[in-house]
Amino acid sequence: MPSAQAESTQLQSVALGDRALELAPRVAVRPEPFGALAYHYGTRRLVFLKDRQLVCVVEALASHPSLGATFDACAVDARRRPAFERAIAGLIESEMIRERADD
């Protein structure tokens, strides 16, 4: 039987995959040979995106109805999605990415 923590993590992961996300308006992404730099002009936080496929996901978020759909569009392998979801959760926590407002 799975632990409560494992179930909670799985529920958060499912919920995150269904969320419509976008890059925060005060964030700029600059391509680099290793991936990209993301800079938030409001918080002055700089984040290194060290995976080019993660950069693809971050840049494509606003064009897709959910994070899961963005993963599909960027051809993120199912085995890599949990790591990408953790990375996206960190970008949400650092205010680089936000939930998209309903239009």
PDB file of N, CA and C in Angstrom:
ATOM      1  N   MET A   1       0.840  -1.179   0.000  1.00  0.00           N
ATOM      2  CA  MET A   1       0.000   0.000   0.000  1.00  0.00           C
ATOM      3  C   MET A   1       0.888   1.247   0.000  1.00  0.00           C
ATOM      4  N   PRO A   2       0.644   2.235  -0.885  1.00  0.00           N
ATOM      5  CA  PRO A   2       1.485   3.430  -0.952  1.00  0.00           C
ATOM      6  C   PRO A   2       1.323   4.288   0.299  1.00  0.00           C
ATOM      7  N   SER A   3       2.407   4.980   0.636  1.00  0.00           N
ATOM      8  CA  SER A   3       2.372   5.863   1.795  1.00  0.00           C
ATOM      9  C   SER A   3       1.549   7.107   1.477  1.00  0.00           C
ATOM     10  N   ALA A   4       1.147   7.817   2.533  1.00  0.00           N
ATOM     11  CA  ALA A   4       0.378   9.055   2.348  1.00  0.00           C
ATOM     12  C   ALA A   4       1.198  10.086   1.590  1.00  0.00           C
ATOM     13  N   GLN A   5       2.504  10.119   1.884  1.00  0.00           N
ATOM     14  CA  GLN A   5       3.374  11.076   1.193  1.00  0.00           C
ATOM     15  C   GLN A   5       3.460  10.755  -0.296  1.00  0.00           C
ATOM     16  N   ALA A   6       3.582   9.479  -0.635  1.00  0.00           N
ATOM     17  CA  ALA A   6       3.640   9.081  -2.040  1.00  0.00           C
ATOM     18  C   ALA A   6       2.341   9.424  -2.754  1.00  0.00           C
ATOM     19  N   GLU A   7       1.204   9.188  -2.092  1.00  0.00           N
ATOM     20  CA  GLU A   7      -0.087   9.537  -2.693  1.00  0.00           C
ATOM     21  C   GLU A   7      -0.206  11.041  -2.875  1.00  0.00           C
ATOM     22  N   SER A   8       0.229  11.813  -1.881  1.00  0.00           N
ATOM     23  CA  SER A   8       0.173  13.271  -1.968  1.00  0.00           C
ATOM     24  C   SER A   8       1.024  13.768  -3.128  1.00  0.00           C
ATOM     25  N   THR A   9       2.244  13.215  -3.245  1.00  0.00           N
ATOM     26  CA  THR A   9       3.139  13.609  -4.339  1.00  0.00           C
ATOM     27  C   THR A   9       2.515  13.267  -5.682  1.00  0.00           C
ATOM     28  N   GLN A  10       1.901  12.089  -5.786  1.00  0.00           N
ATOM     29  CA  GLN A  10       1.269  11.679  -7.034  1.00  0.00           C
ATOM     30  C   GLN A  10       0.100  12.603  -7.376  1.00  0.00           C
ATOM     31  N   LEU A  11      -0.714  12.973  -6.394  1.00  0.00           N
ATOM     32  CA  LEU A  11      -1.840  13.874  -6.634  1.00  0.00           C
ATOM     33  C   LEU A  11      -1.349  15.245  -7.075  1.00  0.00           C
ATOM     34  N   GLN A  12      -0.290  15.758  -6.428  1.00  0.00           N
ATOM     35  CA  GLN A  12       0.262  17.048  -6.819  1.00  0.00           C
ATOM     36  C   GLN A  12       0.762  16.983  -8.252  1.00  0.00           C
ATOM     37  N   SER A  13       1.421  15.881  -8.598  1.00  0.00           N
ATOM     38  CA  SER A  13       1.957  15.702  -9.938  1.00  0.00           C
ATOM     39  C   SER A  13       0.833  15.690 -10.965  1.00  0.00           C
ATOM     40  N   VAL A  14      -0.226  14.954 -10.683  1.00  0.00           N
ATOM     41  CA  VAL A  14      -1.366  14.902 -11.602  1.00  0.00           C
ATOM     42  C   VAL A  14      -1.975  16.292 -11.729  1.00  0.00           C
ATOM     43  N   ALA A  15      -2.166  16.960 -10.612  1.00  0.00           N
ATOM     44  CA  ALA A  15      -2.758  18.300 -10.639  1.00  0.00           C
ATOM     45  C   ALA A  15      -1.875  19.262 -11.429  1.00  0.00           C
ATOM     46  N   LEU A  16      -0.571  19.185 -11.259  1.00  0.00           N
ATOM     47  CA  LEU A  16       0.329  20.073 -11.982  1.00  0.00           C
ATOM     48  C   LEU A  16       0.253  19.804 -13.482  1.00  0.00           C
ATOM     49  N   GLY A  17       0.189  18.551 -13.873  1.00  0.00           N
ATOM     50  CA  GLY A  17       0.115  18.196 -15.284  1.00  0.00           C
ATOM     51  C   GLY A  17      -1.139  18.704 -15.975  1.00  0.00           C
ATOM     52  N   ASP A  18      -2.190  18.934 -15.199  1.00  0.00           N
ATOM     53  CA  ASP A  18      -3.458  19.426 -15.748  1.00  0.00           C
ATOM     54  C   ASP A  18      -3.575  20.943 -15.746  1.00  0.00           C
ATOM     55  N   ARG A  19      -2.621  21.612 -15.140  1.00  0.00           N
ATOM     56  CA  ARG A  19      -2.719  23.065 -14.984  1.00  0.00           C
ATOM     57  C   ARG A  19      -2.263  23.805 -16.238  1.00  0.00           C
ATOM     58  N   ALA A  20      -2.942  24.914 -16.529  1.00  0.00           N
ATOM     59  CA  ALA A  20      -2.554  25.807 -17.628  1.00  0.00           C
ATOM     60  C   ALA A  20      -1.565  26.814 -17.061  1.00  0.00           C
ATOM     61  N   LEU A  21      -0.348  26.815 -17.584  1.00  0.00           N
ATOM     62  CA  LEU A  21       0.725  27.648 -17.055  1.00  0.00           C
ATOM     63  C   LEU A  21       1.280  28.566 -18.131  1.00  0.00           C
ATOM     64  N   GLU A  22       2.010  29.570 -17.680  1.00  0.00           N
ATOM     65  CA  GLU A  22       2.691  30.468 -18.602  1.00  0.00           C
ATOM     66  C   GLU A  22       3.899  31.076 -17.910  1.00  0.00           C
ATOM     67  N   LEU A  23       4.812  31.587 -18.699  1.00  0.00           N
ATOM     68  CA  LEU A  23       5.942  32.322 -18.176  1.00  0.00           C
ATOM     69  C   LEU A  23       5.406  33.603 -17.541  1.00  0.00           C
ATOM     70  N   ALA A  24       5.926  33.982 -16.393  1.00  0.00           N
ATOM     71  CA  ALA A  24       5.491  35.219 -15.755  1.00  0.00           C
ATOM     72  C   ALA A  24       5.832  36.401 -16.673  1.00  0.00           C
ATOM     73  N   PRO A  25       5.008  37.444 -16.672  1.00  0.00           N
ATOM     74  CA  PRO A  25       5.211  38.543 -17.623  1.00  0.00           C
ATOM     75  C   PRO A  25       6.524  39.300 -17.452  1.00  0.00           C
ATOM     76  N   ARG A  26       7.105  39.286 -16.264  1.00  0.00           N
ATOM     77  CA  ARG A  26       8.354  40.017 -16.039  1.00  0.00           C
ATOM     78  C   ARG A  26       9.579  39.115 -16.134  1.00  0.00           C
ATOM     79  N   VAL A  27       9.418  37.974 -16.807  1.00  0.00           N
ATOM     80  CA  VAL A  27      10.525  37.019 -16.963  1.00  0.00           C
ATOM     81  C   VAL A  27      10.974  36.998 -18.421  1.00  0.00           C
ATOM     82  N   ALA A  28      12.281  37.039 -18.603  1.00  0.00           N
ATOM     83  CA  ALA A  28      12.873  36.916 -19.937  1.00  0.00           C
ATOM     84  C   ALA A  28      13.719  35.649 -19.960  1.00  0.00           C
ATOM     85  N   VAL A  29      13.652  34.930 -21.073  1.00  0.00           N
ATOM     86  CA  VAL A  29      14.444  33.718 -21.259  1.00  0.00           C
ATOM     87  C   VAL A  29      15.449  33.989 -22.374  1.00  0.00           C
ATOM     88  N   ARG A  30      16.727  33.779 -22.061  1.00  0.00           N
ATOM     89  CA  ARG A  30      17.779  34.007 -23.044  1.00  0.00           C
ATOM     90  C   ARG A  30      18.466  32.682 -23.355  1.00  0.00           C
ATOM     91  N   PRO A  31      18.424  32.250 -24.607  1.00  0.00           N
ATOM     92  CA  PRO A  31      19.093  30.995 -24.982  1.00  0.00           C
ATOM     93  C   PRO A  31      20.593  31.066 -24.712  1.00  0.00           C
ATOM     94  N   GLU A  32      21.152  29.958 -24.279  1.00  0.00           N
ATOM     95  CA  GLU A  32      22.584  29.810 -24.022  1.00  0.00           C
ATOM     96  C   GLU A  32      23.004  28.438 -24.538  1.00  0.00           C
ATOM     97  N   PRO A  33      24.299  28.214 -24.755  1.00  0.00           N
ATOM     98  CA  PRO A  33      24.750  26.907 -25.247  1.00  0.00           C
ATOM     99  C   PRO A  33      24.332  25.737 -24.345  1.00  0.00           C
ATOM    100  N   PHE A  34      24.203  25.961 -23.046  1.00  0.00           N
ATOM    101  CA  PHE A  34      23.849  24.894 -22.101  1.00  0.00           C
ATOM    102  C   PHE A  34      22.348  24.723 -21.949  1.00  0.00           C
ATOM    103  N   GLY A  35      21.553  25.667 -22.440  1.00  0.00           N
ATOM    104  CA  GLY A  35      20.099  25.655 -22.285  1.00  0.00           C
ATOM    105  C   GLY A  35      19.576  27.072 -22.368  1.00  0.00           C
ATOM    106  N   ALA A  36      19.391  27.705 -21.189  1.00  0.00           N
ATOM    107  CA  ALA A  36      18.922  29.101 -21.182  1.00  0.00           C
ATOM    108  C   ALA A  36      19.072  29.700 -19.790  1.00  0.00           C
ATOM    109  N   LEU A  37      19.031  31.017 -19.763  1.00  0.00           N
ATOM    110  CA  LEU A  37      18.945  31.773 -18.517  1.00  0.00           C
ATOM    111  C   LEU A  37      17.547  32.370 -18.458  1.00  0.00           C
ATOM    112  N   ALA A  38      16.929  32.289 -17.295  1.00  0.00           N
ATOM    113  CA  ALA A  38      15.636  32.942 -17.080  1.00  0.00           C
ATOM    114  C   ALA A  38      15.861  34.002 -16.012  1.00  0.00           C
ATOM    115  N   TYR A  39      15.477  35.232 -16.321  1.00  0.00           N
ATOM    116  CA  TYR A  39      15.675  36.344 -15.391  1.00  0.00           C
ATOM    117  C   TYR A  39      14.334  36.999 -15.093  1.00  0.00           C
ATOM    118  N   HIS A  40      14.047  37.167 -13.810  1.00  0.00           N
ATOM    119  CA  HIS A  40      12.812  37.830 -13.381  1.00  0.00           C
ATOM    120  C   HIS A  40      13.154  39.274 -13.025  1.00  0.00           C
ATOM    121  N   TYR A  41      12.626  40.213 -13.785  1.00  0.00           N
ATOM    122  CA  TYR A  41      12.942  41.618 -13.580  1.00  0.00           C
ATOM    123  C   TYR A  41      12.331  42.191 -12.304  1.00  0.00           C
ATOM    124  N   GLY A  42      11.328  41.551 -11.757  1.00  0.00           N
ATOM    125  CA  GLY A  42      10.720  42.018 -10.512  1.00  0.00           C
ATOM    126  C   GLY A  42      11.489  41.562  -9.287  1.00  0.00           C
ATOM    127  N   THR A  43      11.814  40.281  -9.239  1.00  0.00           N
ATOM    128  CA  THR A  43      12.511  39.726  -8.071  1.00  0.00           C
ATOM    129  C   THR A  43      14.021  39.736  -8.236  1.00  0.00           C
ATOM    130  N   ARG A  44      14.482  40.005  -9.446  1.00  0.00           N
ATOM    131  CA  ARG A  44      15.902  40.010  -9.806  1.00  0.00           C
ATOM    132  C   ARG A  44      16.542  38.632  -9.640  1.00  0.00           C
ATOM    133  N   ARG A  45      15.722  37.608  -9.729  1.00  0.00           N
ATOM    134  CA  ARG A  45      16.213  36.231  -9.606  1.00  0.00           C
ATOM    135  C   ARG A  45      16.649  35.727 -10.974  1.00  0.00           C
ATOM    136  N   LEU A  46      17.775  35.035 -10.986  1.00  0.00           N
ATOM    137  CA  LEU A  46      18.315  34.422 -12.199  1.00  0.00           C
ATOM    138  C   LEU A  46      18.296  32.914 -12.011  1.00  0.00           C
ATOM    139  N   VAL A  47      17.762  32.206 -13.009  1.00  0.00           N
ATOM    140  CA  VAL A  47      17.675  30.750 -12.959  1.00  0.00           C
ATOM    141  C   VAL A  47      18.334  30.178 -14.204  1.00  0.00           C
ATOM    142  N   PHE A  48      19.134  29.148 -14.009  1.00  0.00           N
ATOM    143  CA  PHE A  48      19.759  28.443 -15.113  1.00  0.00           C
ATOM    144  C   PHE A  48      18.870  27.268 -15.503  1.00  0.00           C
ATOM    145  N   LEU A  49      18.462  27.228 -16.755  1.00  0.00           N
ATOM    146  CA  LEU A  49      17.711  26.094 -17.291  1.00  0.00           C
ATOM    147  C   LEU A  49      18.727  25.261 -18.058  1.00  0.00           C
ATOM    148  N   LYS A  50      19.131  24.138 -17.478  1.00  0.00           N
ATOM    149  CA  LYS A  50      20.260  23.374 -18.001  1.00  0.00           C
ATOM    150  C   LYS A  50      19.881  22.240 -18.936  1.00  0.00           C
ATOM    151  N   ASP A  51      18.672  22.242 -19.405  1.00  0.00           N
ATOM    152  CA  ASP A  51      18.211  21.186 -20.312  1.00  0.00           C
ATOM    153  C   ASP A  51      17.429  21.850 -21.443  1.00  0.00           C
ATOM    154  N   ARG A  52      17.843  21.629 -22.664  1.00  0.00           N
ATOM    155  CA  ARG A  52      17.193  22.285 -23.806  1.00  0.00           C
ATOM    156  C   ARG A  52      15.735  21.870 -23.968  1.00  0.00           C
ATOM    157  N   GLN A  53      15.419  20.641 -23.597  1.00  0.00           N
ATOM    158  CA  GLN A  53      14.023  20.212 -23.694  1.00  0.00           C
ATOM    159  C   GLN A  53      13.178  20.924 -22.633  1.00  0.00           C
ATOM    160  N   LEU A  54      13.744  21.188 -21.463  1.00  0.00           N
ATOM    161  CA  LEU A  54      13.042  21.962 -20.448  1.00  0.00           C
ATOM    162  C   LEU A  54      12.813  23.389 -20.941  1.00  0.00           C
ATOM    163  N   VAL A  55      13.782  23.945 -21.639  1.00  0.00           N
ATOM    164  CA  VAL A  55      13.626  25.280 -22.230  1.00  0.00           C
ATOM    165  C   VAL A  55      12.463  25.269 -23.220  1.00  0.00           C
ATOM    166  N   CYS A  56      12.381  24.227 -24.029  1.00  0.00           N
ATOM    167  CA  CYS A  56      11.266  24.080 -24.979  1.00  0.00           C
ATOM    168  C   CYS A  56       9.942  24.106 -24.228  1.00  0.00           C
ATOM    169  N   VAL A  57       9.860  23.358 -23.138  1.00  0.00           N
ATOM    170  CA  VAL A  57       8.626  23.299 -22.345  1.00  0.00           C
ATOM    171  C   VAL A  57       8.290  24.684 -21.794  1.00  0.00           C
ATOM    172  N   VAL A  58       9.253  25.340 -21.181  1.00  0.00           N
ATOM    173  CA  VAL A  58       9.012  26.653 -20.569  1.00  0.00           C
ATOM    174  C   VAL A  58       8.531  27.653 -21.617  1.00  0.00           C
ATOM    175  N   GLU A  59       9.163  27.654 -22.776  1.00  0.00           N
ATOM    176  CA  GLU A  59       8.799  28.612 -23.822  1.00  0.00           C
ATOM    177  C   GLU A  59       7.458  28.287 -24.462  1.00  0.00           C
ATOM    178  N   ALA A  60       7.023  27.024 -24.408  1.00  0.00           N
ATOM    179  CA  ALA A  60       5.785  26.616 -25.080  1.00  0.00           C
ATOM    180  C   ALA A  60       4.572  26.585 -24.153  1.00  0.00           C
ATOM    181  N   LEU A  61       4.742  26.815 -22.870  1.00  0.00           N
ATOM    182  CA  LEU A  61       3.637  26.680 -21.912  1.00  0.00           C
ATOM    183  C   LEU A  61       2.376  27.428 -22.324  1.00  0.00           C
ATOM    184  N   ALA A  62       2.511  28.674 -22.734  1.00  0.00           N
ATOM    185  CA  ALA A  62       1.344  29.512 -23.039  1.00  0.00           C
ATOM    186  C   ALA A  62       0.600  29.057 -24.290  1.00  0.00           C
ATOM    187  N   SER A  63       1.229  28.223 -25.097  1.00  0.00           N
ATOM    188  CA  SER A  63       0.615  27.775 -26.351  1.00  0.00           C
ATOM    189  C   SER A  63      -0.205  26.503 -26.225  1.00  0.00           C
ATOM    190  N   HIS A  64      -0.262  25.933 -25.009  1.00  0.00           N
ATOM    191  CA  HIS A  64      -0.939  24.654 -24.827  1.00  0.00           C
ATOM    192  C   HIS A  64      -1.880  24.712 -23.638  1.00  0.00           C
ATOM    193  N   PRO A  65      -2.933  23.902 -23.643  1.00  0.00           N
ATOM    194  CA  PRO A  65      -3.962  23.989 -22.599  1.00  0.00           C
ATOM    195  C   PRO A  65      -3.528  23.487 -21.229  1.00  0.00           C
ATOM    196  N   SER A  66      -2.429  22.725 -21.167  1.00  0.00           N
ATOM    197  CA  SER A  66      -1.980  22.190 -19.878  1.00  0.00           C
ATOM    198  C   SER A  66      -0.490  21.876 -19.955  1.00  0.00           C
ATOM    199  N   LEU A  67       0.108  21.656 -18.784  1.00  0.00           N
ATOM    200  CA  LEU A  67       1.503  21.245 -18.753  1.00  0.00           C
ATOM    201  C   LEU A  67       1.672  19.906 -19.468  1.00  0.00           C
ATOM    202  N   GLY A  68       0.739  18.985 -19.257  1.00  0.00           N
ATOM    203  CA  GLY A  68       0.810  17.689 -19.928  1.00  0.00           C
ATOM    204  C   GLY A  68       0.787  17.823 -21.442  1.00  0.00           C
ATOM    205  N   ALA A  69      -0.057  18.706 -21.946  1.00  0.00           N
ATOM    206  CA  ALA A  69      -0.121  18.939 -23.395  1.00  0.00           C
ATOM    207  C   ALA A  69       1.186  19.558 -23.899  1.00  0.00           C
ATOM    208  N   THR A  70       1.792  20.400 -23.079  1.00  0.00           N
ATOM    209  CA  THR A  70       3.086  20.998 -23.441  1.00  0.00           C
ATOM    210  C   THR A  70       4.149  19.914 -23.503  1.00  0.00           C
ATOM    211  N   PHE A  71       4.143  18.994 -22.527  1.00  0.00           N
ATOM    212  CA  PHE A  71       5.082  17.874 -22.559  1.00  0.00           C
ATOM    213  C   PHE A  71       4.905  17.071 -23.846  1.00  0.00           C
ATOM    214  N   ASP A  72       3.669  16.822 -24.226  1.00  0.00           N
ATOM    215  CA  ASP A  72       3.402  16.087 -25.464  1.00  0.00           C
ATOM    216  C   ASP A  72       3.966  16.839 -26.664  1.00  0.00           C
ATOM    217  N   ALA A  73       3.706  18.137 -26.728  1.00  0.00           N
ATOM    218  CA  ALA A  73       4.156  18.948 -27.865  1.00  0.00           C
ATOM    219  C   ALA A  73       5.682  19.008 -27.958  1.00  0.00           C
ATOM    220  N   CYS A  74       6.347  18.966 -26.804  1.00  0.00           N
ATOM    221  CA  CYS A  74       7.815  19.027 -26.776  1.00  0.00           C
ATOM    222  C   CYS A  74       8.447  17.636 -26.747  1.00  0.00           C
ATOM    223  N   ALA A  75       7.615  16.611 -26.912  1.00  0.00           N
ATOM    224  CA  ALA A  75       8.066  15.216 -26.972  1.00  0.00           C
ATOM    225  C   ALA A  75       8.883  14.807 -25.744  1.00  0.00           C
ATOM    226  N   VAL A  76       8.410  15.200 -24.557  1.00  0.00           N
ATOM    227  CA  VAL A  76       9.080  14.809 -23.316  1.00  0.00           C
ATOM    228  C   VAL A  76       8.694  13.361 -23.006  1.00  0.00           C
ATOM    229  N   ASP A  77       9.682  12.506 -22.921  1.00  0.00           N
ATOM    230  CA  ASP A  77       9.474  11.093 -22.633  1.00  0.00           C
ATOM    231  C   ASP A  77       8.802  10.928 -21.272  1.00  0.00           C
ATOM    232  N   ALA A  78       7.922   9.967 -21.155  1.00  0.00           N
ATOM    233  CA  ALA A  78       7.180   9.729 -19.909  1.00  0.00           C
ATOM    234  C   ALA A  78       8.114   9.505 -18.720  1.00  0.00           C
ATOM    235  N   ARG A  79       9.262   8.886 -18.950  1.00  0.00           N
ATOM    236  CA  ARG A  79      10.217   8.640 -17.858  1.00  0.00           C
ATOM    237  C   ARG A  79      10.843   9.929 -17.341  1.00  0.00           C
ATOM    238  N   ARG A  80      10.892  10.966 -18.155  1.00  0.00           N
ATOM    239  CA  ARG A  80      11.502  12.238 -17.747  1.00  0.00           C
ATOM    240  C   ARG A  80      10.485  13.210 -17.145  1.00  0.00           C
ATOM    241  N   ARG A  81       9.206  12.952 -17.331  1.00  0.00           N
ATOM    242  CA  ARG A  81       8.177  13.894 -16.892  1.00  0.00           C
ATOM    243  C   ARG A  81       8.185  14.178 -15.393  1.00  0.00           C
ATOM    244  N   PRO A  82       8.385  13.190 -14.521  1.00  0.00           N
ATOM    245  CA  PRO A  82       8.427  13.533 -13.085  1.00  0.00           C
ATOM    246  C   PRO A  82       9.536  14.535 -12.746  1.00  0.00           C
ATOM    247  N   ALA A  83      10.703  14.377 -13.338  1.00  0.00           N
ATOM    248  CA  ALA A  83      11.797  15.328 -13.102  1.00  0.00           C
ATOM    249  C   ALA A  83      11.440  16.703 -13.663  1.00  0.00           C
ATOM    250  N   PHE A  84      10.812  16.729 -14.827  1.00  0.00           N
ATOM    251  CA  PHE A  84      10.401  18.001 -15.414  1.00  0.00           C
ATOM    252  C   PHE A  84       9.315  18.658 -14.566  1.00  0.00           C
ATOM    253  N   GLU A  85       8.392  17.864 -14.027  1.00  0.00           N
ATOM    254  CA  GLU A  85       7.352  18.425 -13.163  1.00  0.00           C
ATOM    255  C   GLU A  85       7.964  19.039 -11.909  1.00  0.00           C
ATOM    256  N   ARG A  86       9.000  18.398 -11.359  1.00  0.00           N
ATOM    257  CA  ARG A  86       9.687  18.980 -10.191  1.00  0.00           C
ATOM    258  C   ARG A  86      10.361  20.290 -10.575  1.00  0.00           C
ATOM    259  N   ALA A  87      10.974  20.326 -11.751  1.00  0.00           N
ATOM    260  CA  ALA A  87      11.620  21.556 -12.213  1.00  0.00           C
ATOM    261  C   ALA A  87      10.590  22.666 -12.415  1.00  0.00           C
ATOM    262  N   ILE A  88       9.464  22.346 -13.018  1.00  0.00           N
ATOM    263  CA  ILE A  88       8.396  23.334 -13.225  1.00  0.00           C
ATOM    264  C   ILE A  88       7.856  23.809 -11.881  1.00  0.00           C
ATOM    265  N   ALA A  89       7.678  22.892 -10.927  1.00  0.00           N
ATOM    266  CA  ALA A  89       7.207  23.280  -9.588  1.00  0.00           C
ATOM    267  C   ALA A  89       8.184  24.259  -8.947  1.00  0.00           C
ATOM    268  N   GLY A  90       9.475  24.034  -9.125  1.00  0.00           N
ATOM    269  CA  GLY A  90      10.478  24.972  -8.608  1.00  0.00           C
ATOM    270  C   GLY A  90      10.395  26.322  -9.285  1.00  0.00           C
ATOM    271  N   LEU A  91      10.109  26.336 -10.578  1.00  0.00           N
ATOM    272  CA  LEU A  91       9.966  27.602 -11.303  1.00  0.00           C
ATOM    273  C   LEU A  91       8.696  28.340 -10.881  1.00  0.00           C
ATOM    274  N   ILE A  92       7.663  27.597 -10.519  1.00  0.00           N
ATOM    275  CA  ILE A  92       6.445  28.227  -9.988  1.00  0.00           C
ATOM    276  C   ILE A  92       6.752  28.842  -8.635  1.00  0.00           C
ATOM    277  N   GLU A  93       7.446  28.099  -7.794  1.00  0.00           N
ATOM    278  CA  GLU A  93       7.798  28.587  -6.459  1.00  0.00           C
ATOM    279  C   GLU A  93       8.672  29.834  -6.523  1.00  0.00           C
ATOM    280  N   SER A  94       9.548  29.911  -7.512  1.00  0.00           N
ATOM    281  CA  SER A  94      10.426  31.074  -7.662  1.00  0.00           C
ATOM    282  C   SER A  94       9.787  32.192  -8.484  1.00  0.00           C
ATOM    283  N   GLU A  95       8.507  32.032  -8.823  1.00  0.00           N
ATOM    284  CA  GLU A  95       7.708  33.041  -9.535  1.00  0.00           C
ATOM    285  C   GLU A  95       8.140  33.276 -10.984  1.00  0.00           C
ATOM    286  N   MET A  96       8.837  32.312 -11.560  1.00  0.00           N
ATOM    287  CA  MET A  96       9.222  32.405 -12.970  1.00  0.00           C
ATOM    288  C   MET A  96       8.060  31.989 -13.870  1.00  0.00           C
ATOM    289  N   ILE A  97       7.267  31.042 -13.379  1.00  0.00           N
ATOM    290  CA  ILE A  97       6.102  30.532 -14.099  1.00  0.00           C
ATOM    291  C   ILE A  97       4.902  30.737 -13.203  1.00  0.00           C
ATOM    292  N   ARG A  98       3.756  31.001 -13.829  1.00  0.00           N
ATOM    293  CA  ARG A  98       2.538  31.197 -13.056  1.00  0.00           C
ATOM    294  C   ARG A  98       1.375  30.480 -13.731  1.00  0.00           C
ATOM    295  N   GLU A  99       0.315  30.314 -12.950  1.00  0.00           N
ATOM    296  CA  GLU A  99      -0.929  29.757 -13.475  1.00  0.00           C
ATOM    297  C   GLU A  99      -1.506  30.782 -14.460  1.00  0.00           C
ATOM    298  N   ARG A 100      -1.972  30.291 -15.602  1.00  0.00           N
ATOM    299  CA  ARG A 100      -2.574  31.177 -16.598  1.00  0.00           C
ATOM    300  C   ARG A 100      -3.958  31.579 -16.143  1.00  0.00           C
ATOM    301  N   ALA A 101      -4.276  32.843 -16.274  1.00  0.00           N
ATOM    302  CA  ALA A 101      -5.607  33.335 -15.905  1.00  0.00           C
ATOM    303  C   ALA A 101      -6.610  32.894 -16.972  1.00  0.00           C
ATOM    304  N   ASP A 102      -7.814  32.543 -16.522  1.00  0.00           N
ATOM    305  CA  ASP A 102      -8.875  32.202 -17.480  1.00  0.00           C
ATOM    306  C   ASP A 102      -9.276  33.444 -18.230  1.00  0.00           C
ATOM    307  N   ASP A 103      -9.424  33.302 -19.543  1.00  0.00           N
ATOM    308  CA  ASP A 103      -9.818  34.460 -20.368  1.00  0.00           C
ATOM    309  C   ASP A 103     -11.310  34.622 -20.423  1.00  0.00           C
TER     310      ASP A 103
END
